[in-house]
Amino acid sequence: MVTSKRRWRFLRPLRKISLYIVSVFLYYTGLLKLLLLILPRLKTNRKAVILYYHRVIDFSKVPFSRSSFYFEEIGVPVEDFERQMRYLAKNHNVISLEELARALNDGGRIPPNAVVITFDDGYEDNYVYAYLILHRYNIPATIFVIAGYVGSGRILWWDKLREVIDRANPEAFRNIDLPEGIYPQPIRQELFRLKLSTQEDKKSAYRKLTSLMKNFDPERCNLMVDDLAWRIGCRMEDLPSKYSLLSWGQVNEMMEDGISIGSHTVTHPDLTVCPYERLKEEIKASKRLIEEKIGEPVNLLAYPSGQFNDLAKQITIKSGYIIACSAEDTLPDTYNGDLFELRRIGVDNLRFKNLLGGFSKAMFGLKLLYWSLVSML
């Protein structure tokens, strides 16, 4: 007997093909553009679709292996990002996050078909590739930086972990000594039973470990990953060429050209498991540090991994922020009446594919239309 879950899994490819066919039909018949013209005439409250990116990468220059388990998920190809921004500039009103905040806070007018562009973490490719494209199409954007990492030369722990798993042989973690003083028991247990034989095994292992490690302090995670790399003989000298973060000079240069900077905390912890004093330090100190470096007020916050609780939200409000974003991919209702729970939709390298695996402008347009409609209901 076929279970309901298996039945839906079987139908998933058919759904994807059907959606692609519909998107192509709407796009190339001009109906999609017509719908975008009709949408603003609906008598509903206008809202904006907030998109969030992490990385924009030129894969011809950055040494990522196409055989790696994470290749398709690591970032948006630079050529796809340019197509997306060109489409937005032509068919939507792209506004800044500050403009959206003012409109929501003061009851102001949000333009029709409004879209907001944001970036999380502050990778250097935001400056090297994304910034030039945003400038070309006169598109405003907000970059949420991890204050303690900007200009530090350090690599984020989850990026190091990704490379350790990718380079590990199938038996790498079976018989190694993992000191309890470094590795908490849940992490030790998971490492000992991980399967690493295939790329799918490695993808699953990475997701399991990151899910567990997010419960611990980021510095503890750095210690674990660095120790793990040493124990299995994983060389990491090439990581800066893949995972470098922004410098303060780059941040300031982009700000002079209309890119706004927000806080993504000091070290990117899971705010839902932080004690009170640590919460204050992450939220308030990051604001202060960024303001010292850029010489302007910092009023925007993105919760790390979109995770927050009531205490984190209250500290955010008391710290002087005017808006805070989460990352609810499946909930395109951007605004539920709370400026400190703005939902965003993540953009990666998999969401807008055509049947041959390339970027589909038609799919991008259709999904933006859908998100705009849902957010207005």
Protein backbone atom coordinates (compact mmCIF):
# COMPACT_ATOMS: atom_id res chain seq x y z
CA MET A 1 0.00 0.00 0.00
CA VAL A 2 1.41 3.42 -1.01
CA THR A 3 1.40 5.90 1.87
CA SER A 4 0.08 9.43 1.42
CA LYS A 5 3.60 10.87 1.83
CA ARG A 6 5.03 8.57 -0.85
CA ARG A 7 2.15 9.38 -3.20
CA TRP A 8 2.80 13.11 -2.92
CA ARG A 9 6.53 12.53 -3.40
CA PHE A 10 5.73 10.69 -6.63
CA LEU A 11 3.56 13.58 -7.83
CA ARG A 12 6.12 16.26 -6.99
CA PRO A 13 7.94 16.16 -10.38
CA LEU A 14 4.57 16.41 -12.18
CA ARG A 15 3.68 19.45 -10.10
CA LYS A 16 7.01 21.07 -10.95
CA ILE A 17 6.54 20.42 -14.68
CA SER A 18 2.97 21.74 -14.59
CA LEU A 19 4.02 24.88 -12.77
CA TYR A 20 6.79 25.50 -15.27
CA ILE A 21 4.43 25.08 -18.23
CA VAL A 22 1.95 27.52 -16.66
CA SER A 23 4.71 30.05 -15.99
CA VAL A 24 5.98 29.87 -19.58
CA PHE A 25 2.46 30.27 -20.96
CA LEU A 26 1.68 33.29 -18.77
CA TYR A 27 5.04 34.94 -19.43
CA TYR A 28 5.26 34.56 -23.19
CA THR A 29 1.59 35.35 -23.88
CA GLY A 30 1.92 38.59 -21.93
CA LEU A 31 -0.72 37.53 -19.41
CA LEU A 32 1.78 37.74 -16.55
CA LYS A 33 2.49 41.37 -17.33
CA LEU A 34 -1.25 42.04 -17.64
CA LEU A 35 -1.85 40.52 -14.21
CA LEU A 36 0.86 42.76 -12.76
CA LEU A 37 -1.00 45.77 -14.19
CA ILE A 38 -4.33 44.58 -12.77
CA LEU A 39 -2.98 43.70 -9.33
CA PRO A 40 -2.59 47.30 -8.08
CA ARG A 41 -6.26 47.99 -8.91
CA LEU A 42 -7.46 45.44 -6.36
CA LYS A 43 -8.91 47.16 -3.30
CA THR A 44 -6.69 45.54 -0.72
CA ASN A 45 -3.92 46.69 1.57
CA ARG A 46 -0.71 46.92 -0.41
CA LYS A 47 2.25 45.11 1.02
CA ALA A 48 5.72 44.27 -0.24
CA VAL A 49 7.46 41.01 -0.98
CA ILE A 50 10.79 40.93 0.88
CA LEU A 51 13.42 38.69 -0.71
CA TYR A 52 16.59 37.64 1.05
CA TYR A 53 19.79 36.35 -0.49
CA HIS A 54 23.04 35.12 1.01
CA ARG A 55 25.56 34.84 -1.78
CA VAL A 56 25.96 35.87 -5.44
CA ILE A 57 28.80 33.88 -7.00
CA ASP A 58 30.72 33.79 -10.26
CA PHE A 59 31.32 30.06 -10.41
CA SER A 60 33.88 30.47 -13.20
CA LYS A 61 36.16 32.32 -10.76
CA VAL A 62 35.44 30.83 -7.34
CA PRO A 63 36.83 27.28 -6.91
CA PHE A 64 33.67 25.39 -5.94
CA SER A 65 33.56 21.82 -7.24
CA ARG A 66 30.42 20.92 -9.18
CA SER A 67 30.60 17.45 -7.67
CA SER A 68 30.29 18.75 -4.10
CA PHE A 69 27.07 17.99 -2.26
CA TYR A 70 26.43 21.69 -1.61
CA PHE A 71 27.17 23.09 -5.08
CA GLU A 72 23.57 23.85 -6.06
CA GLU A 73 22.74 25.41 -2.69
CA ILE A 74 25.81 27.55 -2.00
CA GLY A 75 24.58 30.70 -3.74
CA VAL A 76 22.90 32.32 -6.73
CA PRO A 77 25.02 32.42 -9.92
CA VAL A 78 25.92 35.99 -10.83
CA GLU A 79 24.27 35.69 -14.26
CA ASP A 80 20.99 34.53 -12.66
CA PHE A 81 21.09 37.37 -10.14
CA GLU A 82 21.47 39.88 -12.96
CA ARG A 83 18.46 38.38 -14.78
CA GLN A 84 16.43 38.60 -11.59
CA MET A 85 17.36 42.24 -10.96
CA ARG A 86 16.70 43.16 -14.59
CA TYR A 87 13.25 41.58 -14.33
CA LEU A 88 12.49 43.39 -11.07
CA ALA A 89 13.64 46.76 -12.43
CA LYS A 90 11.36 46.33 -15.45
CA ASN A 91 8.25 44.87 -13.81
CA HIS A 92 8.22 45.82 -10.11
CA ASN A 93 8.77 48.76 -7.81
CA VAL A 94 11.87 47.89 -5.80
CA ILE A 95 11.94 49.93 -2.61
CA SER A 96 14.33 50.07 0.31
CA LEU A 97 13.60 48.38 3.61
CA GLU A 98 13.64 51.80 5.29
CA GLU A 99 11.00 53.05 2.84
CA LEU A 100 8.84 50.06 3.64
CA ALA A 101 9.32 50.61 7.38
CA ARG A 102 8.25 54.26 7.09
CA ALA A 103 5.16 53.34 5.12
CA LEU A 104 4.11 50.60 7.52
CA ASN A 105 4.87 52.69 10.60
CA ASP A 106 3.19 55.90 9.44
CA GLY A 107 0.41 54.48 7.30
CA GLY A 108 2.10 55.76 4.16
CA ARG A 109 1.70 54.55 0.61
CA ILE A 110 3.44 51.40 -0.55
CA PRO A 111 3.84 51.44 -4.35
CA PRO A 112 2.16 48.69 -6.40
CA ASN A 113 4.04 45.42 -6.95
CA ALA A 114 6.61 46.43 -4.34
CA VAL A 115 9.67 44.25 -3.69
CA VAL A 116 12.47 44.69 -1.14
CA ILE A 117 15.95 43.15 -1.58
CA THR A 118 18.01 42.04 1.44
CA PHE A 119 21.18 40.00 2.03
CA ASP A 120 22.17 38.08 5.16
CA ASP A 121 25.65 37.44 6.67
CA GLY A 122 27.69 39.90 4.61
CA TYR A 123 29.77 37.79 2.24
CA GLU A 124 32.35 39.63 0.16
CA ASP A 125 30.64 38.60 -3.06
CA ASN A 126 27.79 40.94 -2.06
CA TYR A 127 30.29 43.71 -2.85
CA VAL A 128 32.23 42.10 -5.69
CA TYR A 129 29.23 40.94 -7.76
CA ALA A 130 25.82 41.87 -6.32
CA TYR A 131 26.63 45.52 -5.62
CA LEU A 132 27.66 46.24 -9.22
CA ILE A 133 24.44 44.73 -10.55
CA LEU A 134 22.28 46.57 -8.03
CA HIS A 135 24.02 49.82 -9.04
CA ARG A 136 23.48 49.07 -12.74
CA TYR A 137 19.72 48.77 -12.28
CA ASN A 138 19.44 51.45 -9.58
CA ILE A 139 18.03 48.95 -7.07
CA PRO A 140 18.25 49.66 -3.32
CA ALA A 141 19.15 46.83 -0.96
CA THR A 142 19.98 46.13 2.67
CA ILE A 143 22.90 43.95 3.77
CA PHE A 144 22.67 42.50 7.28
CA VAL A 145 26.24 41.99 8.49
CA ILE A 146 27.56 39.89 11.37
CA ALA A 147 29.32 42.69 13.23
CA GLY A 148 32.02 40.59 14.88
CA TYR A 149 33.13 39.09 11.57
CA VAL A 150 33.30 42.10 9.25
CA GLY A 151 36.93 42.74 8.33
CA SER A 152 38.14 39.97 10.66
CA GLY A 153 39.39 37.52 8.03
CA ARG A 154 37.53 34.75 9.86
CA ILE A 155 35.35 32.09 8.23
CA LEU A 156 31.87 31.28 9.53
CA TRP A 157 31.68 27.93 11.30
CA TRP A 158 28.99 26.44 9.04
CA ASP A 159 31.10 27.17 5.96
CA LYS A 160 34.09 25.40 7.52
CA LEU A 161 31.88 22.47 8.51
CA ARG A 162 30.59 22.20 4.95
CA GLU A 163 34.13 21.81 3.64
CA VAL A 164 35.14 19.33 6.36
CA ILE A 165 32.22 17.06 5.47
CA ASP A 166 32.80 17.44 1.73
CA ARG A 167 36.47 16.47 2.04
CA ALA A 168 36.05 13.68 4.60
CA ASN A 169 36.35 10.06 3.50
CA PRO A 170 33.46 7.67 4.36
CA GLU A 171 35.14 6.36 7.55
CA ALA A 172 36.64 9.67 8.70
CA PHE A 173 34.60 10.03 11.88
CA ARG A 174 34.29 6.37 12.89
CA ASN A 175 37.27 5.84 15.17
CA ILE A 176 38.57 9.29 16.08
CA ASP A 177 38.90 10.62 19.62
CA LEU A 178 36.41 13.40 20.32
CA PRO A 179 37.13 15.00 23.73
CA GLU A 180 34.04 15.66 25.83
CA GLY A 181 35.49 19.03 26.79
CA ILE A 182 35.13 20.17 23.17
CA TYR A 183 32.23 18.11 21.81
CA PRO A 184 28.87 17.97 23.64
CA GLN A 185 27.39 14.49 23.85
CA PRO A 186 24.70 14.98 21.14
CA ILE A 187 27.37 16.10 18.66
CA ARG A 188 29.71 13.22 19.51
CA GLN A 189 26.93 10.68 19.05
CA GLU A 190 25.88 12.14 15.72
CA LEU A 191 29.44 12.27 14.37
CA PHE A 192 30.07 8.62 15.21
CA ARG A 193 27.02 7.40 13.28
CA LEU A 194 27.20 9.68 10.24
CA LYS A 195 27.23 8.12 6.78
CA LEU A 196 29.47 9.85 4.26
CA SER A 197 29.59 7.39 1.35
CA THR A 198 27.63 9.45 -1.19
CA GLN A 199 26.99 13.13 -1.89
CA GLU A 200 23.44 12.64 -0.63
CA ASP A 201 24.84 11.17 2.61
CA LYS A 202 27.06 14.22 3.03
CA LYS A 203 24.20 16.62 2.40
CA SER A 204 22.15 14.83 5.07
CA ALA A 205 25.10 14.80 7.49
CA TYR A 206 25.66 18.52 7.04
CA ARG A 207 22.03 19.32 7.72
CA LYS A 208 21.92 17.13 10.83
CA LEU A 209 25.09 18.63 12.29
CA THR A 210 24.18 22.25 11.60
CA SER A 211 20.76 21.68 13.14
CA LEU A 212 22.40 20.35 16.32
CA MET A 213 25.27 22.83 16.48
CA LYS A 214 23.03 25.89 16.19
CA ASN A 215 22.00 25.17 19.78
CA PHE A 216 25.51 26.03 20.97
CA ASP A 217 27.56 29.19 21.17
CA PRO A 218 29.11 30.11 17.77
CA GLU A 219 32.60 30.19 19.30
CA ARG A 220 32.07 26.66 20.63
CA CYS A 221 31.02 25.65 17.12
CA ASN A 222 34.17 27.19 15.67
CA LEU A 223 36.25 25.25 18.17
CA MET A 224 34.52 21.98 17.30
CA VAL A 225 34.88 22.41 13.54
CA ASP A 226 38.53 23.51 13.72
CA ASP A 227 39.35 20.55 15.96
CA LEU A 228 37.46 18.15 13.73
CA ALA A 229 39.33 19.39 10.65
CA TRP A 230 42.65 18.88 12.44
CA ARG A 231 41.76 15.37 13.60
CA ILE A 232 40.88 14.09 10.14
CA GLY A 233 43.72 15.97 8.42
CA CYS A 234 41.50 18.34 6.47
CA ARG A 235 43.50 21.25 5.06
CA MET A 236 41.60 24.56 4.99
CA GLU A 237 44.05 26.99 3.40
CA ASP A 238 41.82 27.66 0.39
CA LEU A 239 38.74 28.67 2.38
CA PRO A 240 39.34 32.46 2.25
CA SER A 241 39.06 32.31 -1.54
CA LYS A 242 35.61 30.74 -1.17
CA TYR A 243 34.07 32.21 1.96
CA SER A 244 35.51 35.67 2.59
CA LEU A 245 33.33 38.26 4.28
CA LEU A 246 33.02 41.99 3.76
CA SER A 247 35.54 44.54 5.04
CA TRP A 248 34.48 47.83 6.63
CA GLY A 249 35.94 49.67 3.67
CA GLN A 250 33.66 47.78 1.30
CA VAL A 251 30.69 48.36 3.61
CA ASN A 252 31.29 52.11 3.67
CA GLU A 253 31.78 52.30 -0.10
CA MET A 254 28.42 50.59 -0.72
CA MET A 255 26.69 52.85 1.79
CA GLU A 256 27.80 55.91 -0.18
CA ASP A 257 25.95 54.46 -3.16
CA GLY A 258 22.61 53.78 -1.47
CA ILE A 259 23.10 50.33 0.06
CA SER A 260 21.85 50.27 3.65
CA ILE A 261 23.51 48.24 6.38
CA GLY A 262 21.69 46.39 9.13
CA SER A 263 22.70 44.17 12.03
CA HIS A 264 22.76 40.39 11.97
CA THR A 265 24.04 40.35 15.59
CA VAL A 266 27.67 40.06 16.72
CA THR A 267 28.34 36.32 16.20
CA HIS A 268 25.14 34.89 14.63
CA PRO A 269 23.84 32.71 17.51
CA ASP A 270 20.38 31.15 17.76
CA LEU A 271 18.66 33.90 19.76
CA THR A 272 16.02 31.50 21.08
CA VAL A 273 18.59 29.65 23.21
CA CYS A 274 20.65 32.64 24.39
CA PRO A 275 20.43 33.72 28.04
CA TYR A 276 19.23 37.26 28.75
CA GLU A 277 22.63 38.96 29.09
CA ARG A 278 23.95 37.27 25.95
CA LEU A 279 20.86 38.39 24.04
CA LYS A 280 21.47 42.00 25.03
CA GLU A 281 25.12 41.74 24.01
CA GLU A 282 24.34 40.27 20.59
CA ILE A 283 21.57 42.72 19.73
CA LYS A 284 22.76 45.95 21.37
CA ALA A 285 26.53 45.57 20.92
CA SER A 286 26.21 44.75 17.23
CA LYS A 287 24.23 47.94 16.69
CA ARG A 288 26.83 49.99 18.56
CA LEU A 289 29.80 48.39 16.78
CA ILE A 290 28.38 48.91 13.30
CA GLU A 291 27.43 52.50 14.08
CA GLU A 292 31.00 53.20 15.22
CA LYS A 293 32.38 51.79 11.96
CA ILE A 294 29.99 53.47 9.52
CA GLY A 295 29.25 56.70 11.39
CA GLU A 296 25.49 56.42 10.91
CA PRO A 297 22.55 55.05 12.94
CA VAL A 298 21.74 51.36 12.48
CA ASN A 299 17.99 50.80 12.68
CA LEU A 300 17.52 47.46 10.90
CA LEU A 301 17.98 43.95 12.27
CA ALA A 302 17.66 40.46 10.81
CA TYR A 303 17.36 37.65 13.34
CA PRO A 304 20.04 34.97 12.69
CA SER A 305 18.47 32.10 10.72
CA GLY A 306 15.18 33.92 11.23
CA GLN A 307 14.92 32.58 14.78
CA PHE A 308 13.62 34.77 17.60
CA ASN A 309 11.37 34.74 20.65
CA ASP A 310 9.45 37.39 22.59
CA LEU A 311 12.48 38.27 24.72
CA ALA A 312 14.70 38.79 21.67
CA LYS A 313 12.02 40.95 20.09
CA GLN A 314 11.61 43.10 23.20
CA ILE A 315 15.38 43.67 23.47
CA THR A 316 15.43 44.59 19.78
CA ILE A 317 12.74 47.21 20.33
CA LYS A 318 14.42 48.63 23.45
CA SER A 319 17.78 48.79 21.64
CA GLY A 320 16.42 51.35 19.20
CA TYR A 321 15.80 49.33 16.03
CA ILE A 322 12.78 50.34 13.96
CA ILE A 323 12.30 47.07 12.11
CA ALA A 324 13.37 43.41 12.33
CA CYS A 325 13.18 40.60 9.80
CA SER A 326 12.74 36.87 10.17
CA ALA A 327 13.03 34.30 7.38
CA GLU A 328 9.72 32.50 7.01
CA ASP A 329 10.11 31.00 3.52
CA THR A 330 6.72 29.33 3.48
CA LEU A 331 4.78 32.36 4.79
CA PRO A 332 4.74 35.09 2.15
CA ASP A 333 2.42 37.29 4.26
CA THR A 334 5.12 39.89 4.78
CA TYR A 335 3.41 42.01 7.39
CA ASN A 336 1.17 40.74 10.17
CA GLY A 337 0.94 44.07 11.97
CA ASP A 338 4.28 43.74 13.75
CA LEU A 339 7.30 45.64 12.40
CA PHE A 340 9.58 43.32 14.36
CA GLU A 341 8.37 40.13 12.68
CA LEU A 342 8.66 40.95 8.99
CA ARG A 343 8.74 37.76 6.97
CA ARG A 344 11.04 37.22 4.03
CA ILE A 345 11.35 34.70 1.22
CA GLY A 346 14.74 33.11 0.57
CA VAL A 347 16.25 33.03 -2.92
CA ASP A 348 18.69 30.25 -3.75
CA ASN A 349 19.96 28.46 -6.84
CA LEU A 350 17.12 25.91 -6.89
CA ARG A 351 13.86 27.85 -6.61
CA PHE A 352 13.46 29.19 -10.16
CA LYS A 353 14.74 26.41 -12.42
CA ASN A 354 13.49 25.46 -15.86
CA LEU A 355 13.21 21.82 -16.95
CA LEU A 356 16.84 21.78 -18.09
CA GLY A 357 18.17 23.07 -14.77
CA GLY A 358 18.80 26.67 -15.81
CA PHE A 359 17.26 29.86 -14.46
CA SER A 360 13.69 30.53 -15.60
CA LYS A 361 12.60 34.16 -15.83
CA ALA A 362 9.03 32.94 -16.26
CA MET A 363 9.13 30.95 -12.99
CA PHE A 364 10.68 33.90 -11.18
CA GLY A 365 7.92 36.19 -12.42
CA LEU A 366 5.11 33.76 -11.63
CA LYS A 367 6.29 33.13 -8.07
CA LEU A 368 6.69 36.85 -7.42
CA LEU A 369 3.12 37.35 -8.66
CA TYR A 370 1.88 34.56 -6.39
CA TRP A 371 3.73 35.96 -3.35
CA SER A 372 2.34 39.41 -4.09
CA LEU A 373 -1.22 38.07 -4.30
CA VAL A 374 -0.93 36.02 -1.11
CA SER A 375 0.58 38.93 0.83
CA MET A 376 -2.44 41.06 -0.07
CA LEU A 377 -5.04 38.62 1.25
